[in-house]
């Protein structure tokens, strides 16, 4: 239940900003509407 921010950022260059932020939420199989709402919020 922890999250980590790395020195190297570790973001995926081939993805958009939205998809980078949404990745962990999609892995957790959240509904698409909830994913969009959370990504826009953060």
ModelCIF file with pLDDT and N, C-alpha, C, O atoms, coordinates in Angstrom:
data_MODEL
#
_entry.id   MODEL 
#
_entity.id                         1 
_entity.type                       polymer 
_entity.pdbx_number_of_molecules   1 
#
_entity_poly.entity_id                      1 
_entity_poly.type                           'polypeptide(L)' 
_entity_poly.nstd_linkage                   no 
_entity_poly.nstd_monomer                   no 
_entity_poly.pdbx_seq_one_letter_code       
;(UNK)(UNK)(UNK)(UNK)(UNK)(UNK)(UNK)(UNK)(UNK)(UNK)(UNK)(UNK)(UNK)(UNK)(UNK)(UNK)
(UNK)(UNK)(UNK)(UNK)(UNK)(UNK)(UNK)(UNK)(UNK)(UNK)(UNK)(UNK)(UNK)(UNK)(UNK)(UNK)
(UNK)(UNK)(UNK)(UNK)(UNK)(UNK)(UNK)(UNK)(UNK)(UNK)
;
_entity_poly.pdbx_seq_one_letter_code_can   XXXXXXXXXXXXXXXXXXXXXXXXXXXXXXXXXXXXXXXXXX 
_entity_poly.pdbx_strand_id                 A 
#
loop_
_entity_poly_seq.entity_id 
_entity_poly_seq.num 
_entity_poly_seq.mon_id 
_entity_poly_seq.hetero 
1 1  UNK n 
1 2  UNK n 
1 3  UNK n 
1 4  UNK n 
1 5  UNK n 
1 6  UNK n 
1 7  UNK n 
1 8  UNK n 
1 9  UNK n 
1 10 UNK n 
1 11 UNK n 
1 12 UNK n 
1 13 UNK n 
1 14 UNK n 
1 15 UNK n 
1 16 UNK n 
1 17 UNK n 
1 18 UNK n 
1 19 UNK n 
1 20 UNK n 
1 21 UNK n 
1 22 UNK n 
1 23 UNK n 
1 24 UNK n 
1 25 UNK n 
1 26 UNK n 
1 27 UNK n 
1 28 UNK n 
1 29 UNK n 
1 30 UNK n 
1 31 UNK n 
1 32 UNK n 
1 33 UNK n 
1 34 UNK n 
1 35 UNK n 
1 36 UNK n 
1 37 UNK n 
1 38 UNK n 
1 39 UNK n 
1 40 UNK n 
1 41 UNK n 
1 42 UNK n 
#
_struct_asym.id          A 
_struct_asym.entity_id   1 
#
loop_
_ma_qa_metric.id 
_ma_qa_metric.mode 
_ma_qa_metric.name 
_ma_qa_metric.software_group_id 
_ma_qa_metric.type 
1 global pLDDT . pLDDT 
2 local  pLDDT . pLDDT 
#
_ma_qa_metric_global.metric_id      1 
_ma_qa_metric_global.metric_value   91.45 
_ma_qa_metric_global.model_id       1 
_ma_qa_metric_global.ordinal_id     1 
#
loop_
_ma_qa_metric_local.label_asym_id 
_ma_qa_metric_local.label_comp_id 
_ma_qa_metric_local.label_seq_id 
_ma_qa_metric_local.metric_id 
_ma_qa_metric_local.metric_value 
_ma_qa_metric_local.model_id 
_ma_qa_metric_local.ordinal_id 
A UNK 1  2 91.00 1 1  
A UNK 2  2 94.00 1 2  
A UNK 3  2 94.00 1 3  
A UNK 4  2 93.00 1 4  
A UNK 5  2 93.00 1 5  
A UNK 6  2 89.00 1 6  
A UNK 7  2 85.00 1 7  
A UNK 8  2 82.00 1 8  
A UNK 9  2 76.00 1 9  
A UNK 10 2 81.00 1 10 
A UNK 11 2 87.00 1 11 
A UNK 12 2 89.00 1 12 
A UNK 13 2 88.00 1 13 
A UNK 14 2 90.00 1 14 
A UNK 15 2 94.00 1 15 
A UNK 16 2 96.00 1 16 
A UNK 17 2 96.00 1 17 
A UNK 18 2 97.00 1 18 
A UNK 19 2 95.00 1 19 
A UNK 20 2 94.00 1 20 
A UNK 21 2 95.00 1 21 
A UNK 22 2 94.00 1 22 
A UNK 23 2 91.00 1 23 
A UNK 24 2 87.00 1 24 
A UNK 25 2 91.00 1 25 
A UNK 26 2 92.00 1 26 
A UNK 27 2 87.00 1 27 
A UNK 28 2 88.00 1 28 
A UNK 29 2 90.00 1 29 
A UNK 30 2 91.00 1 30 
A UNK 31 2 93.00 1 31 
A UNK 32 2 94.00 1 32 
A UNK 33 2 95.00 1 33 
A UNK 34 2 94.00 1 34 
A UNK 35 2 94.00 1 35 
A UNK 36 2 95.00 1 36 
A UNK 37 2 95.00 1 37 
A UNK 38 2 93.00 1 38 
A UNK 39 2 95.00 1 39 
A UNK 40 2 95.00 1 40 
A UNK 41 2 94.00 1 41 
A UNK 42 2 94.00 1 42 
#
loop_
_atom_site.group_PDB 
_atom_site.id 
_atom_site.type_symbol 
_atom_site.label_atom_id 
_atom_site.label_alt_id 
_atom_site.label_comp_id 
_atom_site.label_asym_id 
_atom_site.label_entity_id 
_atom_site.label_seq_id 
_atom_site.pdbx_PDB_ins_code 
_atom_site.Cartn_x 
_atom_site.Cartn_y 
_atom_site.Cartn_z 
_atom_site.occupancy 
_atom_site.B_iso_or_equiv 
_atom_site.pdbx_formal_charge 
_atom_site.auth_seq_id 
_atom_site.auth_comp_id 
_atom_site.auth_asym_id 
_atom_site.auth_atom_id 
_atom_site.pdbx_PDB_model_num 
ATOM 1   N N  . UNK A 1 1  ? 0.801   -1.228 0.000   1.00 91.00 ? 1  UNK A N  1 
ATOM 2   C CA . UNK A 1 1  ? 0.000   0.000  0.000   1.00 91.00 ? 1  UNK A CA 1 
ATOM 3   C C  . UNK A 1 1  ? 0.827   1.268  0.000   1.00 91.00 ? 1  UNK A C  1 
ATOM 4   O O  . UNK A 1 1  ? 0.355   2.318  0.434   1.00 91.00 ? 1  UNK A O  1 
ATOM 5   N N  . UNK A 1 2  ? 2.066   1.181  -0.487  1.00 94.00 ? 2  UNK A N  1 
ATOM 6   C CA . UNK A 1 2  ? 2.921   2.364  -0.548  1.00 94.00 ? 2  UNK A CA 1 
ATOM 7   C C  . UNK A 1 2  ? 3.141   2.740  -2.010  1.00 94.00 ? 2  UNK A C  1 
ATOM 8   O O  . UNK A 1 2  ? 2.971   1.918  -2.911  1.00 94.00 ? 2  UNK A O  1 
ATOM 9   N N  . UNK A 1 3  ? 3.518   3.985  -2.224  1.00 94.00 ? 3  UNK A N  1 
ATOM 10  C CA . UNK A 1 3  ? 3.846   4.454  -3.567  1.00 94.00 ? 3  UNK A CA 1 
ATOM 11  C C  . UNK A 1 3  ? 5.192   5.151  -3.499  1.00 94.00 ? 3  UNK A C  1 
ATOM 12  O O  . UNK A 1 3  ? 5.558   5.708  -2.464  1.00 94.00 ? 3  UNK A O  1 
ATOM 13  N N  . UNK A 1 4  ? 5.934   5.121  -4.611  1.00 93.00 ? 4  UNK A N  1 
ATOM 14  C CA . UNK A 1 4  ? 7.308   5.614  -4.582  1.00 93.00 ? 4  UNK A CA 1 
ATOM 15  C C  . UNK A 1 4  ? 7.573   6.536  -5.773  1.00 93.00 ? 4  UNK A C  1 
ATOM 16  O O  . UNK A 1 4  ? 7.153   6.264  -6.898  1.00 93.00 ? 4  UNK A O  1 
ATOM 17  N N  . UNK A 1 5  ? 8.278   7.630  -5.497  1.00 93.00 ? 5  UNK A N  1 
ATOM 18  C CA . UNK A 1 5  ? 8.738   8.553  -6.534  1.00 93.00 ? 5  UNK A CA 1 
ATOM 19  C C  . UNK A 1 5  ? 10.245  8.384  -6.643  1.00 93.00 ? 5  UNK A C  1 
ATOM 20  O O  . UNK A 1 5  ? 10.969  8.593  -5.670  1.00 93.00 ? 5  UNK A O  1 
ATOM 21  N N  . UNK A 1 6  ? 10.719  8.006  -7.832  1.00 89.00 ? 6  UNK A N  1 
ATOM 22  C CA . UNK A 1 6  ? 12.125  7.670  -8.010  1.00 89.00 ? 6  UNK A CA 1 
ATOM 23  C C  . UNK A 1 6  ? 12.939  8.876  -8.491  1.00 89.00 ? 6  UNK A C  1 
ATOM 24  O O  . UNK A 1 6  ? 12.407  9.847  -9.029  1.00 89.00 ? 6  UNK A O  1 
ATOM 25  N N  . UNK A 1 7  ? 14.237  8.767  -8.274  1.00 85.00 ? 7  UNK A N  1 
ATOM 26  C CA . UNK A 1 7  ? 15.170  9.798  -8.724  1.00 85.00 ? 7  UNK A CA 1 
ATOM 27  C C  . UNK A 1 7  ? 15.113  9.969  -10.244 1.00 85.00 ? 7  UNK A C  1 
ATOM 28  O O  . UNK A 1 7  ? 15.228  11.084 -10.752 1.00 85.00 ? 7  UNK A O  1 
ATOM 29  N N  . UNK A 1 8  ? 14.936  8.869  -10.958 1.00 82.00 ? 8  UNK A N  1 
ATOM 30  C CA . UNK A 1 8  ? 14.944  8.897  -12.422 1.00 82.00 ? 8  UNK A CA 1 
ATOM 31  C C  . UNK A 1 8  ? 13.559  9.160  -13.027 1.00 82.00 ? 8  UNK A C  1 
ATOM 32  O O  . UNK A 1 8  ? 13.386  9.111  -14.245 1.00 82.00 ? 8  UNK A O  1 
ATOM 33  N N  . UNK A 1 9  ? 12.559  9.446  -12.143 1.00 76.00 ? 9  UNK A N  1 
ATOM 34  C CA . UNK A 1 9  ? 11.161  9.673  -12.538 1.00 76.00 ? 9  UNK A CA 1 
ATOM 35  C C  . UNK A 1 9  ? 10.478  8.382  -12.982 1.00 76.00 ? 9  UNK A C  1 
ATOM 36  O O  . UNK A 1 9  ? 9.338   8.130  -12.594 1.00 76.00 ? 9  UNK A O  1 
ATOM 37  N N  . UNK A 1 10 ? 11.167  7.544  -13.804 1.00 81.00 ? 10 UNK A N  1 
ATOM 38  C CA . UNK A 1 10 ? 10.636  6.237  -14.241 1.00 81.00 ? 10 UNK A CA 1 
ATOM 39  C C  . UNK A 1 10 ? 9.287   6.358  -14.924 1.00 81.00 ? 10 UNK A C  1 
ATOM 40  O O  . UNK A 1 10 ? 8.421   5.502  -14.747 1.00 81.00 ? 10 UNK A O  1 
ATOM 41  N N  . UNK A 1 11 ? 9.101   7.425  -15.710 1.00 87.00 ? 11 UNK A N  1 
ATOM 42  C CA . UNK A 1 11 ? 7.868   7.513  -16.494 1.00 87.00 ? 11 UNK A CA 1 
ATOM 43  C C  . UNK A 1 11 ? 8.129   6.932  -17.886 1.00 87.00 ? 11 UNK A C  1 
ATOM 44  O O  . UNK A 1 11 ? 9.269   6.901  -18.348 1.00 87.00 ? 11 UNK A O  1 
ATOM 45  N N  . UNK A 1 12 ? 7.064   6.472  -18.550 1.00 89.00 ? 12 UNK A N  1 
ATOM 46  C CA . UNK A 1 12 ? 7.216   5.803  -19.830 1.00 89.00 ? 12 UNK A CA 1 
ATOM 47  C C  . UNK A 1 12 ? 7.142   6.819  -20.965 1.00 89.00 ? 12 UNK A C  1 
ATOM 48  O O  . UNK A 1 12 ? 6.107   7.462  -21.140 1.00 89.00 ? 12 UNK A O  1 
ATOM 49  N N  . UNK A 1 13 ? 8.211   6.979  -21.739 1.00 88.00 ? 13 UNK A N  1 
ATOM 50  C CA . UNK A 1 13 ? 8.256   8.027  -22.775 1.00 88.00 ? 13 UNK A CA 1 
ATOM 51  C C  . UNK A 1 13 ? 7.286   7.802  -23.930 1.00 88.00 ? 13 UNK A C  1 
ATOM 52  O O  . UNK A 1 13 ? 6.894   8.758  -24.599 1.00 88.00 ? 13 UNK A O  1 
ATOM 53  N N  . UNK A 1 14 ? 6.891   6.536  -24.175 1.00 90.00 ? 14 UNK A N  1 
ATOM 54  C CA . UNK A 1 14 ? 5.996   6.252  -25.290 1.00 90.00 ? 14 UNK A CA 1 
ATOM 55  C C  . UNK A 1 14 ? 4.527   6.486  -24.949 1.00 90.00 ? 14 UNK A C  1 
ATOM 56  O O  . UNK A 1 14 ? 3.662   6.395  -25.820 1.00 90.00 ? 14 UNK A O  1 
ATOM 57  N N  . UNK A 1 15 ? 4.243   6.791  -23.664 1.00 94.00 ? 15 UNK A N  1 
ATOM 58  C CA . UNK A 1 15 ? 2.861   7.042  -23.245 1.00 94.00 ? 15 UNK A CA 1 
ATOM 59  C C  . UNK A 1 15 ? 2.615   8.540  -23.096 1.00 94.00 ? 15 UNK A C  1 
ATOM 60  O O  . UNK A 1 15 ? 3.550   9.324  -22.929 1.00 94.00 ? 15 UNK A O  1 
ATOM 61  N N  . UNK A 1 16 ? 1.351   8.920  -23.158 1.00 96.00 ? 16 UNK A N  1 
ATOM 62  C CA . UNK A 1 16 ? 0.981   10.295 -22.851 1.00 96.00 ? 16 UNK A CA 1 
ATOM 63  C C  . UNK A 1 16 ? 1.043   10.514 -21.341 1.00 96.00 ? 16 UNK A C  1 
ATOM 64  O O  . UNK A 1 16 ? 1.174   9.572  -20.560 1.00 96.00 ? 16 UNK A O  1 
ATOM 65  N N  . UNK A 1 17 ? 0.946   11.773 -20.960 1.00 96.00 ? 17 UNK A N  1 
ATOM 66  C CA . UNK A 1 17 ? 0.898   12.112 -19.533 1.00 96.00 ? 17 UNK A CA 1 
ATOM 67  C C  . UNK A 1 17 ? -0.282  11.404 -18.871 1.00 96.00 ? 17 UNK A C  1 
ATOM 68  O O  . UNK A 1 17 ? -0.139  10.822 -17.795 1.00 96.00 ? 17 UNK A O  1 
ATOM 69  N N  . UNK A 1 18 ? -1.437  11.453 -19.511 1.00 97.00 ? 18 UNK A N  1 
ATOM 70  C CA . UNK A 1 18 ? -2.636  10.811 -18.944 1.00 97.00 ? 18 UNK A CA 1 
ATOM 71  C C  . UNK A 1 18 ? -2.396  9.322  -18.728 1.00 97.00 ? 18 UNK A C  1 
ATOM 72  O O  . UNK A 1 18 ? -2.692  8.789  -17.659 1.00 97.00 ? 18 UNK A O  1 
ATOM 73  N N  . UNK A 1 19 ? -1.859  8.652  -19.743 1.00 95.00 ? 19 UNK A N  1 
ATOM 74  C CA . UNK A 1 19 ? -1.671  7.206  -19.643 1.00 95.00 ? 19 UNK A CA 1 
ATOM 75  C C  . UNK A 1 19 ? -0.625  6.830  -18.599 1.00 95.00 ? 19 UNK A C  1 
ATOM 76  O O  . UNK A 1 19 ? -0.750  5.795  -17.944 1.00 95.00 ? 19 UNK A O  1 
ATOM 77  N N  . UNK A 1 20 ? 0.403   7.657  -18.438 1.00 94.00 ? 20 UNK A N  1 
ATOM 78  C CA . UNK A 1 20 ? 1.392   7.413  -17.391 1.00 94.00 ? 20 UNK A CA 1 
ATOM 79  C C  . UNK A 1 20 ? 0.746   7.422  -16.013 1.00 94.00 ? 20 UNK A C  1 
ATOM 80  O O  . UNK A 1 20 ? 0.989   6.537  -15.192 1.00 94.00 ? 20 UNK A O  1 
ATOM 81  N N  . UNK A 1 21 ? -0.077  8.432  -15.774 1.00 95.00 ? 21 UNK A N  1 
ATOM 82  C CA . UNK A 1 21 ? -0.717  8.561  -14.460 1.00 95.00 ? 21 UNK A CA 1 
ATOM 83  C C  . UNK A 1 21 ? -1.773  7.483  -14.266 1.00 95.00 ? 21 UNK A C  1 
ATOM 84  O O  . UNK A 1 21 ? -1.987  7.003  -13.153 1.00 95.00 ? 21 UNK A O  1 
ATOM 85  N N  . UNK A 1 22 ? -2.429  7.109  -15.355 1.00 94.00 ? 22 UNK A N  1 
ATOM 86  C CA . UNK A 1 22 ? -3.515  6.129  -15.260 1.00 94.00 ? 22 UNK A CA 1 
ATOM 87  C C  . UNK A 1 22 ? -3.012  4.701  -15.112 1.00 94.00 ? 22 UNK A C  1 
ATOM 88  O O  . UNK A 1 22 ? -3.780  3.816  -14.733 1.00 94.00 ? 22 UNK A O  1 
ATOM 89  N N  . UNK A 1 23 ? -1.751  4.460  -15.401 1.00 91.00 ? 23 UNK A N  1 
ATOM 90  C CA . UNK A 1 23 ? -1.240  3.093  -15.482 1.00 91.00 ? 23 UNK A CA 1 
ATOM 91  C C  . UNK A 1 23 ? -1.529  2.277  -14.211 1.00 91.00 ? 23 UNK A C  1 
ATOM 92  O O  . UNK A 1 23 ? -2.077  1.177  -14.288 1.00 91.00 ? 23 UNK A O  1 
ATOM 93  N N  . UNK A 1 24 ? -1.161  2.817  -13.055 1.00 87.00 ? 24 UNK A N  1 
ATOM 94  C CA . UNK A 1 24 ? -1.352  2.078  -11.808 1.00 87.00 ? 24 UNK A CA 1 
ATOM 95  C C  . UNK A 1 24 ? -2.814  1.825  -11.490 1.00 87.00 ? 24 UNK A C  1 
ATOM 96  O O  . UNK A 1 24 ? -3.157  0.800  -10.902 1.00 87.00 ? 24 UNK A O  1 
ATOM 97  N N  . UNK A 1 25 ? -3.672  2.751  -11.875 1.00 91.00 ? 25 UNK A N  1 
ATOM 98  C CA . UNK A 1 25 ? -5.104  2.590  -11.633 1.00 91.00 ? 25 UNK A CA 1 
ATOM 99  C C  . UNK A 1 25 ? -5.675  1.493  -12.530 1.00 91.00 ? 25 UNK A C  1 
ATOM 100 O O  . UNK A 1 25 ? -6.529  0.713  -12.111 1.00 91.00 ? 25 UNK A O  1 
ATOM 101 N N  . UNK A 1 26 ? -5.188  1.447  -13.771 1.00 92.00 ? 26 UNK A N  1 
ATOM 102 C CA . UNK A 1 26 ? -5.665  0.404  -14.697 1.00 92.00 ? 26 UNK A CA 1 
ATOM 103 C C  . UNK A 1 26 ? -5.188  -0.982 -14.274 1.00 92.00 ? 26 UNK A C  1 
ATOM 104 O O  . UNK A 1 26 ? -5.907  -1.969 -14.424 1.00 92.00 ? 26 UNK A O  1 
ATOM 105 N N  . UNK A 1 27 ? -3.964  -1.043 -13.744 1.00 87.00 ? 27 UNK A N  1 
ATOM 106 C CA . UNK A 1 27 ? -3.444  -2.318 -13.238 1.00 87.00 ? 27 UNK A CA 1 
ATOM 107 C C  . UNK A 1 27 ? -4.337  -2.835 -12.111 1.00 87.00 ? 27 UNK A C  1 
ATOM 108 O O  . UNK A 1 27 ? -4.528  -4.041 -11.957 1.00 87.00 ? 27 UNK A O  1 
ATOM 109 N N  . UNK A 1 28 ? -4.885  -1.893 -11.319 1.00 88.00 ? 28 UNK A N  1 
ATOM 110 C CA . UNK A 1 28 ? -5.778  -2.267 -10.219 1.00 88.00 ? 28 UNK A CA 1 
ATOM 111 C C  . UNK A 1 28 ? -7.209  -2.528 -10.713 1.00 88.00 ? 28 UNK A C  1 
ATOM 112 O O  . UNK A 1 28 ? -8.116  -2.793 -9.924  1.00 88.00 ? 28 UNK A O  1 
ATOM 113 N N  . UNK A 1 29 ? -7.387  -2.447 -12.038 1.00 90.00 ? 29 UNK A N  1 
ATOM 114 C CA . UNK A 1 29 ? -8.665  -2.765 -12.683 1.00 90.00 ? 29 UNK A CA 1 
ATOM 115 C C  . UNK A 1 29 ? -9.816  -1.886 -12.200 1.00 90.00 ? 29 UNK A C  1 
ATOM 116 O O  . UNK A 1 29 ? -10.928 -2.371 -11.996 1.00 90.00 ? 29 UNK A O  1 
ATOM 117 N N  . UNK A 1 30 ? -9.547  -0.601 -12.020 1.00 91.00 ? 30 UNK A N  1 
ATOM 118 C CA . UNK A 1 30 ? -10.598 0.344  -11.679 1.00 91.00 ? 30 UNK A CA 1 
ATOM 119 C C  . UNK A 1 30 ? -11.432 0.647  -12.919 1.00 91.00 ? 30 UNK A C  1 
ATOM 120 O O  . UNK A 1 30 ? -10.915 0.586  -14.035 1.00 91.00 ? 30 UNK A O  1 
ATOM 121 N N  . UNK A 1 31 ? -12.705 0.972  -12.746 1.00 93.00 ? 31 UNK A N  1 
ATOM 122 C CA . UNK A 1 31 ? -13.557 1.328  -13.888 1.00 93.00 ? 31 UNK A CA 1 
ATOM 123 C C  . UNK A 1 31 ? -12.991 2.544  -14.628 1.00 93.00 ? 31 UNK A C  1 
ATOM 124 O O  . UNK A 1 31 ? -12.360 3.408  -14.019 1.00 93.00 ? 31 UNK A O  1 
ATOM 125 N N  . UNK A 1 32 ? -13.218 2.606  -15.934 1.00 94.00 ? 32 UNK A N  1 
ATOM 126 C CA . UNK A 1 32 ? -12.656 3.673  -16.761 1.00 94.00 ? 32 UNK A CA 1 
ATOM 127 C C  . UNK A 1 32 ? -13.050 5.059  -16.266 1.00 94.00 ? 32 UNK A C  1 
ATOM 128 O O  . UNK A 1 32 ? -12.226 5.974  -16.261 1.00 94.00 ? 32 UNK A O  1 
ATOM 129 N N  . UNK A 1 33 ? -14.307 5.220  -15.848 1.00 95.00 ? 33 UNK A N  1 
ATOM 130 C CA . UNK A 1 33 ? -14.765 6.528  -15.376 1.00 95.00 ? 33 UNK A CA 1 
ATOM 131 C C  . UNK A 1 33 ? -14.012 6.945  -14.112 1.00 95.00 ? 33 UNK A C  1 
ATOM 132 O O  . UNK A 1 33 ? -13.667 8.115  -13.943 1.00 95.00 ? 33 UNK A O  1 
ATOM 133 N N  . UNK A 1 34 ? -13.761 5.978  -13.226 1.00 94.00 ? 34 UNK A N  1 
ATOM 134 C CA . UNK A 1 34 ? -13.027 6.271  -11.990 1.00 94.00 ? 34 UNK A CA 1 
ATOM 135 C C  . UNK A 1 34 ? -11.561 6.593  -12.285 1.00 94.00 ? 34 UNK A C  1 
ATOM 136 O O  . UNK A 1 34 ? -10.961 7.455  -11.644 1.00 94.00 ? 34 UNK A O  1 
ATOM 137 N N  . UNK A 1 35 ? -10.996 5.885  -13.266 1.00 94.00 ? 35 UNK A N  1 
ATOM 138 C CA . UNK A 1 35 ? -9.617  6.172  -13.681 1.00 94.00 ? 35 UNK A CA 1 
ATOM 139 C C  . UNK A 1 35 ? -9.509  7.605  -14.184 1.00 94.00 ? 35 UNK A C  1 
ATOM 140 O O  . UNK A 1 35 ? -8.620  8.350  -13.771 1.00 94.00 ? 35 UNK A O  1 
ATOM 141 N N  . UNK A 1 36 ? -10.418 7.989  -15.079 1.00 95.00 ? 36 UNK A N  1 
ATOM 142 C CA . UNK A 1 36 ? -10.383 9.342  -15.643 1.00 95.00 ? 36 UNK A CA 1 
ATOM 143 C C  . UNK A 1 36 ? -10.545 10.401 -14.552 1.00 95.00 ? 36 UNK A C  1 
ATOM 144 O O  . UNK A 1 36 ? -9.829  11.403 -14.544 1.00 95.00 ? 36 UNK A O  1 
ATOM 145 N N  . UNK A 1 37 ? -11.474 10.179 -13.646 1.00 95.00 ? 37 UNK A N  1 
ATOM 146 C CA . UNK A 1 37 ? -11.721 11.140 -12.568 1.00 95.00 ? 37 UNK A CA 1 
ATOM 147 C C  . UNK A 1 37 ? -10.475 11.316 -11.689 1.00 95.00 ? 37 UNK A C  1 
ATOM 148 O O  . UNK A 1 37 ? -10.097 12.437 -11.348 1.00 95.00 ? 37 UNK A O  1 
ATOM 149 N N  . UNK A 1 38 ? -9.841  10.181 -11.328 1.00 93.00 ? 38 UNK A N  1 
ATOM 150 C CA . UNK A 1 38 ? -8.652  10.248 -10.472 1.00 93.00 ? 38 UNK A CA 1 
ATOM 151 C C  . UNK A 1 38 ? -7.484  10.913 -11.192 1.00 93.00 ? 38 UNK A C  1 
ATOM 152 O O  . UNK A 1 38 ? -6.765  11.716 -10.597 1.00 93.00 ? 38 UNK A O  1 
ATOM 153 N N  . UNK A 1 39 ? -7.290  10.585 -12.463 1.00 95.00 ? 39 UNK A N  1 
ATOM 154 C CA . UNK A 1 39 ? -6.179  11.176 -13.212 1.00 95.00 ? 39 UNK A CA 1 
ATOM 155 C C  . UNK A 1 39 ? -6.359  12.681 -13.332 1.00 95.00 ? 39 UNK A C  1 
ATOM 156 O O  . UNK A 1 39 ? -5.412  13.438 -13.121 1.00 95.00 ? 39 UNK A O  1 
ATOM 157 N N  . UNK A 1 40 ? -7.559  13.120 -13.668 1.00 95.00 ? 40 UNK A N  1 
ATOM 158 C CA . UNK A 1 40 ? -7.809  14.552 -13.781 1.00 95.00 ? 40 UNK A CA 1 
ATOM 159 C C  . UNK A 1 40 ? -7.596  15.265 -12.447 1.00 95.00 ? 40 UNK A C  1 
ATOM 160 O O  . UNK A 1 40 ? -7.085  16.383 -12.395 1.00 95.00 ? 40 UNK A O  1 
ATOM 161 N N  . UNK A 1 41 ? -8.003  14.588 -11.372 1.00 94.00 ? 41 UNK A N  1 
ATOM 162 C CA . UNK A 1 41 ? -7.841  15.183 -10.032 1.00 94.00 ? 41 UNK A CA 1 
ATOM 163 C C  . UNK A 1 41 ? -6.367  15.405 -9.705  1.00 94.00 ? 41 UNK A C  1 
ATOM 164 O O  . UNK A 1 41 ? -5.986  16.495 -9.278  1.00 94.00 ? 41 UNK A O  1 
ATOM 165 N N  . UNK A 1 42 ? -5.534  14.379 -9.903  1.00 94.00 ? 42 UNK A N  1 
ATOM 166 C CA . UNK A 1 42 ? -4.129  14.510 -9.498  1.00 94.00 ? 42 UNK A CA 1 
ATOM 167 C C  . UNK A 1 42 ? -3.336  15.384 -10.475 1.00 94.00 ? 42 UNK A C  1 
ATOM 168 O O  . UNK A 1 42 ? -2.139  15.597 -10.282 1.00 94.00 ? 42 UNK A O  1 
#
